[in-house]
Amino acid sequence: MTERTTQRPEELSDDLPAAVLWDMDGTLVDTEPYWIETEQELAHRHGAEWTHDDAMALVGSDLMDSGVYIRERMGLDLSPREIVDLLLDGVVVKVAHEVPWRAGARELLAALGEAGVPNVLVTMSWRRFVEPVLEQLPPGSFAHVVTGDEVPRGKPHPDPYLRAAALLGLDPRACVAIEDSPTGAASAAAAGCPVLVVPHHVPVPPASRLTFADTLEGIAPADLVPLTRRGGRGRR
């Protein structure tokens, strides 16, 4: 991926966030149904049980944590890494066929880029799943990409968002994170980011640093300014 040269923090407008840190699954794209379908296919091949509640329990989670959960829940004689590879094999094929974008996400991403605000993708998916999604976006849409196989601890730990801010040389408190799940929102908040939460497949309970919206449609870069000023509270 070609990376866009980002502006130094002092060059950014005081009226906009220093950066926006994006979750991918459920926020930028709606790939959760692909993961759920692939999990169900895996369970079917092994004659195992897999419920909707099981699938929802993994939304936003680190892939290796998901592999451990699936191994125990399905009783598979496979390592967590082998399970993750099987899931990725199935989901990558589906994404290559069609990328299901979330409403308003690409528009906000483009508007932030035009305003000179750097974007970073912060996802627990692994690099080989992320690449087909990035290929469908204009080059340089993201200044950096942080994936689940590149951090020591995944969401809900703060590590992914701390790494994203560090790559830009920024204080996480000056960066707005956009998330859709409790796990992701907890990760971003623990890193110190004000968080815009657009719940999708699972509800997200109110908490400090979280501001809620029903959709990204109609949201402009200037709408993110109040989040960094008040630390993220309330509902849009």
Protein backbone atom coordinates (compact mmCIF):
# COMPACT_ATOMS: atom_id res chain seq x y z
CA MET A 1 0.00 0.00 0.00
CA THR A 2 1.22 3.49 -0.84
CA GLU A 3 1.28 5.63 2.29
CA ARG A 4 0.30 9.29 2.20
CA THR A 5 2.80 11.69 3.74
CA THR A 6 1.11 12.98 6.89
CA GLN A 7 1.32 16.49 8.22
CA ARG A 8 3.15 17.19 11.45
CA PRO A 9 0.86 17.79 14.45
CA GLU A 10 1.70 21.49 14.52
CA GLU A 11 0.60 21.81 10.88
CA LEU A 12 -2.88 20.48 11.52
CA SER A 13 -5.82 22.77 12.11
CA ASP A 14 -6.72 23.38 15.72
CA ASP A 15 -10.34 22.94 14.67
CA LEU A 16 -9.93 19.27 13.70
CA PRO A 17 -8.73 16.12 15.45
CA ALA A 18 -5.01 15.44 15.11
CA ALA A 19 -5.89 12.09 13.51
CA VAL A 20 -8.74 9.63 13.16
CA LEU A 21 -8.14 5.99 14.05
CA TRP A 22 -10.54 3.61 12.31
CA ASP A 23 -11.72 0.16 13.28
CA MET A 24 -12.42 -1.96 10.21
CA ASP A 25 -14.87 -4.84 10.79
CA GLY A 26 -18.30 -3.39 11.52
CA THR A 27 -17.09 0.21 11.20
CA LEU A 28 -15.48 0.71 7.79
CA VAL A 29 -16.87 -2.51 6.31
CA ASP A 30 -19.62 -4.87 7.41
CA THR A 31 -17.66 -8.09 7.20
CA GLU A 32 -19.03 -9.60 10.42
CA PRO A 33 -21.59 -11.67 8.42
CA TYR A 34 -18.66 -13.12 6.44
CA TRP A 35 -16.89 -14.15 9.65
CA ILE A 36 -20.08 -15.62 11.10
CA GLU A 37 -20.80 -17.58 7.92
CA THR A 38 -17.23 -18.91 7.85
CA GLU A 39 -17.42 -19.91 11.52
CA GLN A 40 -20.65 -21.77 10.84
CA GLU A 41 -19.07 -23.52 7.86
CA LEU A 42 -16.17 -24.62 10.07
CA ALA A 43 -18.54 -25.95 12.71
CA HIS A 44 -20.58 -27.81 10.08
CA ARG A 45 -17.48 -29.50 8.63
CA HIS A 46 -16.52 -30.76 12.08
CA GLY A 47 -20.02 -31.64 13.28
CA ALA A 48 -19.77 -29.04 16.04
CA GLU A 49 -22.30 -26.67 17.55
CA TRP A 50 -21.98 -22.94 16.90
CA THR A 51 -24.67 -20.49 17.98
CA HIS A 52 -25.46 -16.88 17.18
CA ASP A 53 -24.45 -15.98 20.74
CA ASP A 54 -21.07 -17.63 20.16
CA ALA A 55 -20.55 -15.53 17.05
CA MET A 56 -21.57 -12.32 18.80
CA ALA A 57 -19.15 -13.05 21.65
CA LEU A 58 -16.26 -12.73 19.20
CA VAL A 59 -17.21 -9.43 17.56
CA GLY A 60 -14.22 -7.09 17.72
CA SER A 61 -11.95 -9.65 19.36
CA ASP A 62 -8.33 -10.46 18.63
CA LEU A 63 -8.18 -13.32 16.11
CA MET A 64 -5.99 -15.55 18.25
CA ASP A 65 -8.38 -15.08 21.16
CA SER A 66 -11.16 -16.07 18.78
CA GLY A 67 -9.18 -19.14 17.74
CA VAL A 68 -8.86 -20.22 21.38
CA TYR A 69 -12.60 -19.68 21.95
CA ILE A 70 -13.58 -21.62 18.81
CA ARG A 71 -11.22 -24.49 19.64
CA GLU A 72 -12.77 -24.87 23.08
CA ARG A 73 -16.36 -24.26 22.03
CA MET A 74 -16.28 -26.56 19.00
CA GLY A 75 -13.95 -29.12 20.58
CA LEU A 76 -11.59 -29.04 17.59
CA ASP A 77 -8.29 -30.91 17.43
CA LEU A 78 -6.66 -27.88 15.83
CA SER A 79 -4.40 -25.17 17.18
CA PRO A 80 -5.78 -21.63 17.51
CA ARG A 81 -3.41 -20.57 14.69
CA GLU A 82 -4.75 -23.31 12.40
CA ILE A 83 -8.31 -22.20 13.18
CA VAL A 84 -7.48 -18.58 12.41
CA ASP A 85 -5.89 -19.56 9.09
CA LEU A 86 -9.03 -21.51 8.13
CA LEU A 87 -11.24 -18.55 9.01
CA LEU A 88 -9.06 -16.18 7.02
CA ASP A 89 -9.09 -18.51 4.02
CA GLY A 90 -12.88 -18.40 3.97
CA VAL A 91 -13.36 -14.69 4.66
CA VAL A 92 -10.70 -13.48 2.20
CA VAL A 93 -12.53 -15.24 -0.63
CA LYS A 94 -15.78 -13.54 0.32
CA VAL A 95 -14.19 -10.08 0.59
CA ALA A 96 -12.43 -10.52 -2.76
CA HIS A 97 -15.86 -11.10 -4.29
CA GLU A 98 -17.51 -8.08 -2.65
CA VAL A 99 -16.51 -5.51 -0.02
CA PRO A 100 -19.58 -4.55 2.04
CA TRP A 101 -18.93 -0.90 2.96
CA ARG A 102 -20.64 0.72 5.95
CA ALA A 103 -22.86 3.69 5.14
CA GLY A 104 -21.00 7.00 5.24
CA ALA A 105 -17.62 5.49 6.07
CA ARG A 106 -15.85 6.06 2.75
CA GLU A 107 -17.29 9.56 2.50
CA LEU A 108 -15.97 10.56 5.94
CA LEU A 109 -12.62 8.90 5.24
CA ALA A 110 -12.25 10.89 2.01
CA ALA A 111 -13.33 14.15 3.64
CA LEU A 112 -10.77 13.73 6.42
CA GLY A 113 -8.06 13.12 3.86
CA GLU A 114 -9.03 16.24 1.94
CA ALA A 115 -8.92 18.22 5.19
CA GLY A 116 -5.37 17.02 5.87
CA VAL A 117 -6.32 14.83 8.84
CA PRO A 118 -4.32 11.56 8.82
CA ASN A 119 -6.28 8.31 9.08
CA VAL A 120 -4.96 5.08 10.57
CA LEU A 121 -6.68 1.70 10.25
CA VAL A 122 -6.66 -0.19 13.56
CA THR A 123 -8.04 -3.69 13.11
CA MET A 124 -7.73 -7.06 14.79
CA SER A 125 -7.92 -8.70 11.37
CA TRP A 126 -4.61 -9.88 9.95
CA ARG A 127 -2.72 -8.24 7.11
CA ARG A 128 -3.73 -10.75 4.43
CA PHE A 129 -7.40 -10.04 5.09
CA VAL A 130 -6.92 -6.27 5.22
CA GLU A 131 -5.15 -5.95 1.88
CA PRO A 132 -8.18 -6.83 -0.33
CA VAL A 133 -10.17 -4.10 1.45
CA LEU A 134 -7.42 -1.50 1.06
CA GLU A 135 -7.17 -2.30 -2.65
CA GLN A 136 -10.72 -1.01 -3.08
CA LEU A 137 -9.85 2.41 -1.58
CA PRO A 138 -7.92 5.28 -3.17
CA PRO A 139 -4.16 4.90 -2.60
CA GLY A 140 -3.00 6.68 0.55
CA SER A 141 -6.41 6.61 2.25
CA PHE A 142 -4.62 5.44 5.41
CA ALA A 143 -1.31 6.84 6.60
CA HIS A 144 -0.66 3.61 8.52
CA VAL A 145 -2.32 0.27 9.18
CA VAL A 146 -2.19 -1.58 12.50
CA THR A 147 -3.31 -5.22 12.29
CA GLY A 148 -3.94 -7.89 14.88
CA ASP A 149 -0.84 -9.88 13.95
CA GLU A 150 1.39 -6.84 14.54
CA VAL A 151 0.66 -6.03 18.19
CA PRO A 152 1.53 -8.01 21.34
CA ARG A 153 -2.00 -7.73 22.74
CA GLY A 154 -5.16 -7.12 20.78
CA LYS A 155 -8.41 -5.37 21.64
CA PRO A 156 -9.74 -4.80 24.35
CA HIS A 157 -6.17 -3.99 25.45
CA PRO A 158 -4.99 -0.49 24.53
CA ASP A 159 -1.96 -1.69 22.55
CA PRO A 160 -3.43 -1.34 19.01
CA TYR A 161 -4.52 2.28 19.53
CA LEU A 162 -1.35 3.21 21.37
CA ARG A 163 0.65 1.89 18.43
CA ALA A 164 -1.51 3.81 15.95
CA ALA A 165 -0.96 7.11 17.75
CA ALA A 166 2.75 6.40 18.19
CA LEU A 167 3.18 5.80 14.46
CA LEU A 168 1.98 9.38 13.93
CA GLY A 169 3.92 10.77 16.88
CA LEU A 170 0.66 11.91 18.49
CA ASP A 171 -0.95 11.83 21.92
CA PRO A 172 -3.90 9.36 21.74
CA ARG A 173 -6.05 11.96 23.52
CA ALA A 174 -5.80 14.17 20.44
CA CYS A 175 -6.97 11.38 18.12
CA VAL A 176 -10.57 10.33 17.59
CA ALA A 177 -11.21 6.59 17.33
CA ILE A 178 -14.24 5.21 15.48
CA GLU A 179 -15.54 1.87 16.71
CA ASP A 180 -18.64 -0.34 16.64
CA SER A 181 -18.12 -2.97 19.36
CA PRO A 182 -17.66 -3.05 23.15
CA THR A 183 -14.26 -4.70 22.73
CA GLY A 184 -12.99 -2.09 20.29
CA ALA A 185 -14.44 0.84 22.18
CA ALA A 186 -12.81 -0.40 25.40
CA SER A 187 -9.45 -0.67 23.62
CA ALA A 188 -9.59 2.86 22.23
CA ALA A 189 -10.81 4.37 25.49
CA ALA A 190 -8.12 2.54 27.48
CA ALA A 191 -5.52 4.10 25.17
CA GLY A 192 -6.92 7.55 26.00
CA CYS A 193 -8.76 8.25 22.75
CA PRO A 194 -12.16 9.92 22.63
CA VAL A 195 -14.31 7.39 20.79
CA LEU A 196 -17.16 7.80 18.32
CA VAL A 197 -19.19 4.60 18.64
CA VAL A 198 -21.55 3.52 15.88
CA PRO A 199 -22.98 0.24 17.29
CA HIS A 200 -23.79 -2.37 14.71
CA HIS A 201 -24.05 -6.07 15.51
CA VAL A 202 -23.81 -5.82 19.30
CA PRO A 203 -24.81 -3.06 21.75
CA VAL A 204 -22.12 -0.94 23.38
CA PRO A 205 -22.77 0.23 26.94
CA PRO A 206 -22.20 3.93 27.76
CA ALA A 207 -18.82 4.72 29.29
CA SER A 208 -16.35 7.53 29.75
CA ARG A 209 -14.79 8.83 26.50
CA LEU A 210 -17.60 7.36 24.37
CA THR A 211 -19.92 9.37 22.12
CA PHE A 212 -22.61 7.52 20.20
CA ALA A 213 -24.03 7.95 16.71
CA ASP A 214 -26.54 5.85 14.79
CA THR A 215 -24.62 6.11 11.51
CA LEU A 216 -21.62 7.75 9.87
CA GLU A 217 -23.82 9.10 7.11
CA GLY A 218 -23.79 12.89 7.13
CA ILE A 219 -20.90 13.14 9.61
CA ALA A 220 -18.21 15.63 8.52
CA PRO A 221 -14.70 16.16 9.93
CA ALA A 222 -15.87 19.22 11.88
CA ASP A 223 -18.44 17.06 13.68
CA LEU A 224 -15.57 15.22 15.38
CA VAL A 225 -14.16 18.36 17.00
CA PRO A 226 -16.38 18.25 20.12
CA LEU A 227 -15.14 14.74 20.93
CA THR A 228 -11.56 15.84 21.48
CA ARG A 229 -12.70 18.91 23.42
CA ARG A 230 -14.90 17.11 25.93
CA GLY A 231 -13.27 13.69 25.99
CA GLY A 232 -16.25 12.04 24.36
CA ARG A 233 -19.66 12.05 26.04
CA GLY A 234 -23.23 11.98 24.92
CA ARG A 235 -25.00 11.05 21.74
CA ARG A 236 -25.02 12.68 18.36
